Amino acid sequence: MNEIEEYAKINRIPIMQKDGIEYLCQYIKDNNIKSILEIGSAIGYSSMKMALVSDDVHVTTIEKDIDRYNIAVCNIMKNNLDGQITIINDDACNTTINGKFDLIFIDAAKGKNTLFFNKYKDNLNKNGVIITDNLSFHGLVENPSLIKTKNQRGIVNKIKDYIIFLDNNNEFITTYIPLGDTISISKRRDDDE
């Protein structure tokens, strides 16, 4: 895993920050999560970390970038996790996933978080959760004065829109965890809430 972390750093491939991935893995363990759908594999780092929580955790992960997909496949095979991780090379906006999951983890194009949330929420098991990473976007969401480019401003605005979407969602209750790059955890409301 250290090798993959180093590769990501050198090649500027975004992977979860250490305290964020540690929190996510502990959450999976504490909540007995067995089936995970991940939107955005990159080079397979987080799917491998999640699969390593327990031998009976299975991760289905989607990556549209062919180069990253190929690296992820290689990393998964090298770590003997191909029995626990199913990786799909496709655009998560267009692909159809059957089956239900205990956890849906959104860590892909930040501007499409709302689309991914709405598209895949019906793939959640009854007590499942949707977890999203990067809601601080390296501190730019809380501190817009640090924004340097038009592209960053656009992404920050879309993340703010997503946070508004989560805060006003009648179907889910969301809590925010200020670890890593800020994580949201969205659970379906009980009928009496």
C-alpha atoms as a PDB file:
ATOM      1  CA  MET A   1       0.000   0.000   0.000  1.00  0.00           C
ATOM      2  CA  ASN A   2       2.926   2.328   0.704  1.00  0.00           C
ATOM      3  CA  GLU A   3       4.067   1.823  -2.885  1.00  0.00           C
ATOM      4  CA  ILE A   4       0.622   2.833  -4.173  1.00  0.00           C
ATOM      5  CA  GLU A   5       0.529   5.894  -1.896  1.00  0.00           C
ATOM      6  CA  GLU A   6       3.944   6.935  -3.219  1.00  0.00           C
ATOM      7  CA  TYR A   7       2.900   6.359  -6.841  1.00  0.00           C
ATOM      8  CA  ALA A   8      -0.228   8.484  -6.308  1.00  0.00           C
ATOM      9  CA  LYS A   9       1.819  11.280  -4.770  1.00  0.00           C
ATOM     10  CA  ILE A  10       4.443  11.332  -7.546  1.00  0.00           C
ATOM     11  CA  ASN A  11       1.825  11.122 -10.325  1.00  0.00           C
ATOM     12  CA  ARG A  12      -0.647  13.513  -8.663  1.00  0.00           C
ATOM     13  CA  ILE A  13      -3.432  10.954  -8.571  1.00  0.00           C
ATOM     14  CA  PRO A  14      -5.982  11.903  -5.922  1.00  0.00           C
ATOM     15  CA  ILE A  15      -6.403   9.235  -3.260  1.00  0.00           C
ATOM     16  CA  MET A  16      -8.054   9.553   0.141  1.00  0.00           C
ATOM     17  CA  GLN A  17      -6.081  11.259   2.862  1.00  0.00           C
ATOM     18  CA  LYS A  18      -4.760   8.892   5.538  1.00  0.00           C
ATOM     19  CA  ASP A  19      -7.075   9.896   8.402  1.00  0.00           C
ATOM     20  CA  GLY A  20     -10.058   9.843   6.017  1.00  0.00           C
ATOM     21  CA  ILE A  21      -9.390   6.310   4.737  1.00  0.00           C
ATOM     22  CA  GLU A  22      -8.658   5.104   8.292  1.00  0.00           C
ATOM     23  CA  TYR A  23     -11.997   6.506   9.442  1.00  0.00           C
ATOM     24  CA  LEU A  24     -13.803   4.900   6.480  1.00  0.00           C
ATOM     25  CA  CYS A  25     -12.226   1.486   7.138  1.00  0.00           C
ATOM     26  CA  GLN A  26     -13.077   1.691  10.850  1.00  0.00           C
ATOM     27  CA  TYR A  27     -16.657   2.642   9.910  1.00  0.00           C
ATOM     28  CA  ILE A  28     -16.884  -0.441   7.653  1.00  0.00           C
ATOM     29  CA  LYS A  29     -15.604  -2.626  10.493  1.00  0.00           C
ATOM     30  CA  ASP A  30     -17.807  -1.086  13.218  1.00  0.00           C
ATOM     31  CA  ASN A  31     -20.957  -1.292  11.102  1.00  0.00           C
ATOM     32  CA  ASN A  32     -20.349  -4.808   9.743  1.00  0.00           C
ATOM     33  CA  ILE A  33     -20.467  -3.614   6.136  1.00  0.00           C
ATOM     34  CA  LYS A  34     -19.990  -6.430   3.620  1.00  0.00           C
ATOM     35  CA  SER A  35     -20.955  -5.006   0.213  1.00  0.00           C
ATOM     36  CA  ILE A  36     -19.636  -1.724  -1.172  1.00  0.00           C
ATOM     37  CA  LEU A  37     -20.199   0.159  -4.405  1.00  0.00           C
ATOM     38  CA  GLU A  38     -17.447   2.678  -5.110  1.00  0.00           C
ATOM     39  CA  ILE A  39     -17.857   5.415  -7.701  1.00  0.00           C
ATOM     40  CA  GLY A  40     -14.343   6.346  -8.825  1.00  0.00           C
ATOM     41  CA  SER A  41     -11.620   3.703  -8.445  1.00  0.00           C
ATOM     42  CA  ALA A  42      -8.639   5.784  -9.583  1.00  0.00           C
ATOM     43  CA  ILE A  43      -5.713   3.348  -9.075  1.00  0.00           C
ATOM     44  CA  GLY A  44      -7.599   1.049  -6.682  1.00  0.00           C
ATOM     45  CA  TYR A  45      -6.245   2.429  -3.398  1.00  0.00           C
ATOM     46  CA  SER A  46      -9.469   2.942  -1.446  1.00  0.00           C
ATOM     47  CA  SER A  47     -11.182  -0.188  -2.810  1.00  0.00           C
ATOM     48  CA  MET A  48      -8.188  -2.251  -1.669  1.00  0.00           C
ATOM     49  CA  LYS A  49      -8.102  -0.580   1.752  1.00  0.00           C
ATOM     50  CA  MET A  50     -11.844  -1.272   2.169  1.00  0.00           C
ATOM     51  CA  ALA A  51     -11.487  -4.900   1.007  1.00  0.00           C
ATOM     52  CA  LEU A  52      -8.636  -5.436   3.468  1.00  0.00           C
ATOM     53  CA  VAL A  53     -10.968  -4.671   6.410  1.00  0.00           C
ATOM     54  CA  SER A  54     -12.258  -8.244   6.257  1.00  0.00           C
ATOM     55  CA  ASP A  55     -12.123 -11.299   3.966  1.00  0.00           C
ATOM     56  CA  ASP A  56     -15.901 -11.169   3.511  1.00  0.00           C
ATOM     57  CA  VAL A  57     -16.057  -7.557   2.282  1.00  0.00           C
ATOM     58  CA  HIS A  58     -16.770  -7.283  -1.446  1.00  0.00           C
ATOM     59  CA  VAL A  59     -16.215  -4.047  -3.373  1.00  0.00           C
ATOM     60  CA  THR A  60     -17.653  -3.240  -6.799  1.00  0.00           C
ATOM     61  CA  THR A  61     -15.847  -0.204  -8.161  1.00  0.00           C
ATOM     62  CA  ILE A  62     -16.257   1.882 -11.331  1.00  0.00           C
ATOM     63  CA  GLU A  63     -13.486   3.795 -13.127  1.00  0.00           C
ATOM     64  CA  LYS A  64     -13.916   5.473 -16.504  1.00  0.00           C
ATOM     65  CA  ASP A  65     -10.274   6.440 -17.171  1.00  0.00           C
ATOM     66  CA  ILE A  66      -8.717   3.455 -18.993  1.00  0.00           C
ATOM     67  CA  ASP A  67      -5.161   4.161 -17.800  1.00  0.00           C
ATOM     68  CA  ARG A  68      -6.178   4.401 -14.153  1.00  0.00           C
ATOM     69  CA  TYR A  69      -8.415   1.357 -14.579  1.00  0.00           C
ATOM     70  CA  ASN A  70      -5.491  -0.692 -15.919  1.00  0.00           C
ATOM     71  CA  ILE A  71      -3.245   0.403 -13.024  1.00  0.00           C
ATOM     72  CA  ALA A  72      -6.027  -0.427 -10.545  1.00  0.00           C
ATOM     73  CA  VAL A  73      -6.487  -3.914 -12.052  1.00  0.00           C
ATOM     74  CA  CYS A  74      -2.740  -4.477 -11.775  1.00  0.00           C
ATOM     75  CA  ASN A  75      -2.669  -3.288  -8.130  1.00  0.00           C
ATOM     76  CA  ILE A  76      -5.686  -5.419  -7.196  1.00  0.00           C
ATOM     77  CA  MET A  77      -4.153  -8.556  -8.784  1.00  0.00           C
ATOM     78  CA  LYS A  78      -0.734  -7.884  -7.222  1.00  0.00           C
ATOM     79  CA  ASN A  79      -2.379  -7.749  -3.779  1.00  0.00           C
ATOM     80  CA  ASN A  80      -4.483 -10.895  -4.409  1.00  0.00           C
ATOM     81  CA  LEU A  81      -7.727  -8.979  -3.948  1.00  0.00           C
ATOM     82  CA  ASP A  82      -9.346  -9.870  -7.283  1.00  0.00           C
ATOM     83  CA  GLY A  83     -11.654 -12.282  -5.436  1.00  0.00           C
ATOM     84  CA  GLN A  84     -13.002  -9.395  -3.335  1.00  0.00           C
ATOM     85  CA  ILE A  85     -12.957  -6.510  -5.798  1.00  0.00           C
ATOM     86  CA  THR A  86     -14.898  -6.278  -9.053  1.00  0.00           C
ATOM     87  CA  ILE A  87     -13.695  -3.356 -11.138  1.00  0.00           C
ATOM     88  CA  ILE A  88     -15.690  -1.968 -14.054  1.00  0.00           C
ATOM     89  CA  ASN A  89     -14.214   0.254 -16.769  1.00  0.00           C
ATOM     90  CA  ASP A  90     -17.135   2.557 -17.580  1.00  0.00           C
ATOM     91  CA  ASP A  91     -18.574   6.001 -16.959  1.00  0.00           C
ATOM     92  CA  ALA A  92     -20.554   5.838 -13.700  1.00  0.00           C
ATOM     93  CA  CYS A  93     -23.013   8.339 -15.211  1.00  0.00           C
ATOM     94  CA  ASN A  94     -24.060   5.775 -17.816  1.00  0.00           C
ATOM     95  CA  THR A  95     -23.431   2.312 -16.408  1.00  0.00           C
ATOM     96  CA  THR A  96     -26.153   0.220 -14.799  1.00  0.00           C
ATOM     97  CA  ILE A  97     -25.373  -1.611 -11.579  1.00  0.00           C
ATOM     98  CA  ASN A  98     -27.703  -4.311 -10.331  1.00  0.00           C
ATOM     99  CA  GLY A  99     -27.777  -5.472  -6.757  1.00  0.00           C
ATOM    100  CA  LYS A 100     -27.866  -3.837  -3.357  1.00  0.00           C
ATOM    101  CA  PHE A 101     -25.003  -2.567  -1.225  1.00  0.00           C
ATOM    102  CA  ASP A 102     -24.455  -1.757   2.445  1.00  0.00           C
ATOM    103  CA  LEU A 103     -22.349   1.258   1.494  1.00  0.00           C
ATOM    104  CA  ILE A 104     -22.042   3.454  -1.580  1.00  0.00           C
ATOM    105  CA  PHE A 105     -18.829   5.450  -1.641  1.00  0.00           C
ATOM    106  CA  ILE A 106     -18.733   8.481  -3.959  1.00  0.00           C
ATOM    107  CA  ASP A 107     -15.223   9.643  -4.774  1.00  0.00           C
ATOM    108  CA  ALA A 108     -15.283  10.639  -8.444  1.00  0.00           C
ATOM    109  CA  ALA A 109     -15.914  13.840 -10.449  1.00  0.00           C
ATOM    110  CA  LYS A 110     -16.903  16.330  -7.734  1.00  0.00           C
ATOM    111  CA  GLY A 111     -19.303  18.174 -10.027  1.00  0.00           C
ATOM    112  CA  LYS A 112     -21.372  15.006 -10.449  1.00  0.00           C
ATOM    113  CA  ASN A 113     -21.876  14.070  -6.777  1.00  0.00           C
ATOM    114  CA  THR A 114     -25.604  14.859  -6.855  1.00  0.00           C
ATOM    115  CA  LEU A 115     -26.078  12.882 -10.066  1.00  0.00           C
ATOM    116  CA  PHE A 116     -24.234   9.869  -8.592  1.00  0.00           C
ATOM    117  CA  PHE A 117     -26.173  10.122  -5.317  1.00  0.00           C
ATOM    118  CA  ASN A 118     -29.550  10.136  -7.095  1.00  0.00           C
ATOM    119  CA  LYS A 119     -28.561   7.493  -9.650  1.00  0.00           C
ATOM    120  CA  TYR A 120     -27.302   4.924  -7.142  1.00  0.00           C
ATOM    121  CA  LYS A 121     -29.370   5.545  -3.980  1.00  0.00           C
ATOM    122  CA  ASP A 122     -31.790   2.782  -5.014  1.00  0.00           C
ATOM    123  CA  ASN A 123     -28.864   0.333  -4.936  1.00  0.00           C
ATOM    124  CA  LEU A 124     -28.652   0.803  -1.150  1.00  0.00           C
ATOM    125  CA  ASN A 125     -29.709  -1.910   1.247  1.00  0.00           C
ATOM    126  CA  LYS A 126     -32.407  -0.859   3.726  1.00  0.00           C
ATOM    127  CA  ASN A 127     -29.982   0.409   6.378  1.00  0.00           C
ATOM    128  CA  GLY A 128     -27.220   1.312   3.970  1.00  0.00           C
ATOM    129  CA  VAL A 129     -25.264   4.573   3.817  1.00  0.00           C
ATOM    130  CA  ILE A 130     -23.872   6.834   1.126  1.00  0.00           C
ATOM    131  CA  ILE A 131     -20.456   8.258   1.977  1.00  0.00           C
ATOM    132  CA  THR A 132     -18.911  11.066  -0.067  1.00  0.00           C
ATOM    133  CA  ASP A 133     -15.309  12.283   0.125  1.00  0.00           C
ATOM    134  CA  ASN A 134     -13.688  15.675  -0.640  1.00  0.00           C
ATOM    135  CA  LEU A 135     -16.360  18.045   0.625  1.00  0.00           C
ATOM    136  CA  SER A 136     -13.686  20.542   1.680  1.00  0.00           C
ATOM    137  CA  PHE A 137     -11.799  20.288  -1.609  1.00  0.00           C
ATOM    138  CA  HIS A 138      -8.455  21.011   0.073  1.00  0.00           C
ATOM    139  CA  GLY A 139      -9.956  23.777   2.218  1.00  0.00           C
ATOM    140  CA  LEU A 140     -11.247  25.788  -0.758  1.00  0.00           C
ATOM    141  CA  VAL A 141     -14.928  25.259   0.128  1.00  0.00           C
ATOM    142  CA  GLU A 142     -14.445  26.886   3.558  1.00  0.00           C
ATOM    143  CA  ASN A 143     -11.917  29.443   2.352  1.00  0.00           C
ATOM    144  CA  PRO A 144     -12.767  30.635  -1.187  1.00  0.00           C
ATOM    145  CA  SER A 145     -10.008  33.263  -1.025  1.00  0.00           C
ATOM    146  CA  LEU A 146      -7.544  30.404  -1.702  1.00  0.00           C
ATOM    147  CA  ILE A 147      -9.153  29.637  -5.073  1.00  0.00           C
ATOM    148  CA  LYS A 148      -6.666  30.271  -7.873  1.00  0.00           C
ATOM    149  CA  THR A 149      -8.409  29.160 -11.077  1.00  0.00           C
ATOM    150  CA  LYS A 150     -11.798  29.331 -12.769  1.00  0.00           C
ATOM    151  CA  ASN A 151     -11.877  25.520 -12.785  1.00  0.00           C
ATOM    152  CA  GLN A 152     -11.369  25.390  -8.991  1.00  0.00           C
ATOM    153  CA  ARG A 153     -14.137  27.961  -8.514  1.00  0.00           C
ATOM    154  CA  GLY A 154     -16.500  25.836 -10.621  1.00  0.00           C
ATOM    155  CA  ILE A 155     -15.732  22.693  -8.621  1.00  0.00           C
ATOM    156  CA  VAL A 156     -16.114  24.534  -5.289  1.00  0.00           C
ATOM    157  CA  ASN A 157     -19.510  25.901  -6.395  1.00  0.00           C
ATOM    158  CA  LYS A 158     -20.671  22.397  -7.376  1.00  0.00           C
ATOM    159  CA  ILE A 159     -19.521  20.974  -4.023  1.00  0.00           C
ATOM    160  CA  LYS A 160     -21.423  23.770  -2.224  1.00  0.00           C
ATOM    161  CA  ASP A 161     -24.503  22.898  -4.299  1.00  0.00           C
ATOM    162  CA  TYR A 162     -24.081  19.240  -3.293  1.00  0.00           C
ATOM    163  CA  ILE A 163     -23.859  20.177   0.400  1.00  0.00           C
ATOM    164  CA  ILE A 164     -27.084  22.209   0.019  1.00  0.00           C
ATOM    165  CA  PHE A 165     -28.647  19.169  -1.712  1.00  0.00           C
ATOM    166  CA  LEU A 166     -27.624  16.932   1.221  1.00  0.00           C
ATOM    167  CA  ASP A 167     -28.765  19.415   3.874  1.00  0.00           C
ATOM    168  CA  ASN A 168     -32.192  19.762   2.259  1.00  0.00           C
ATOM    169  CA  ASN A 169     -32.707  16.120   1.340  1.00  0.00           C
ATOM    170  CA  ASN A 170     -36.035  14.820   2.669  1.00  0.00           C
ATOM    171  CA  GLU A 171     -35.076  11.182   2.178  1.00  0.00           C
ATOM    172  CA  PHE A 172     -31.635  11.153   3.862  1.00  0.00           C
ATOM    173  CA  ILE A 173     -30.035  12.652   6.974  1.00  0.00           C
ATOM    174  CA  THR A 174     -26.397  13.630   6.529  1.00  0.00           C
ATOM    175  CA  THR A 175     -23.635  14.121   9.055  1.00  0.00           C
ATOM    176  CA  TYR A 176     -20.217  15.556   8.215  1.00  0.00           C
ATOM    177  CA  ILE A 177     -16.934  14.158   9.501  1.00  0.00           C
ATOM    178  CA  PRO A 178     -14.099  16.737   9.535  1.00  0.00           C
ATOM    179  CA  LEU A 179     -11.391  14.192   8.737  1.00  0.00           C
ATOM    180  CA  GLY A 180      -9.285  13.909   5.603  1.00  0.00           C
ATOM    181  CA  ASP A 181     -10.849  16.251   3.074  1.00  0.00           C
ATOM    182  CA  THR A 182     -14.230  16.139   4.919  1.00  0.00           C
ATOM    183  CA  ILE A 183     -16.548  13.169   4.521  1.00  0.00           C
ATOM    184  CA  SER A 184     -20.340  13.083   4.519  1.00  0.00           C
ATOM    185  CA  ILE A 185     -22.370  10.123   5.753  1.00  0.00           C
ATOM    186  CA  SER A 186     -25.957   9.996   4.486  1.00  0.00           C
ATOM    187  CA  LYS A 187     -28.494   7.573   5.995  1.00  0.00           C
ATOM    188  CA  ARG A 188     -32.118   7.108   5.025  1.00  0.00           C
ATOM    189  CA  ARG A 189     -34.519   8.789   7.402  1.00  0.00           C
ATOM    190  CA  ASP A 190     -36.752   6.585   9.513  1.00  0.00           C
ATOM    191  CA  ASP A 191     -40.430   6.935   8.709  1.00  0.00           C
ATOM    192  CA  ASP A 192     -41.007   8.768  12.006  1.00  0.00           C
ATOM    193  CA  GLU A 193     -38.223  11.359  11.509  1.00  0.00           C
END
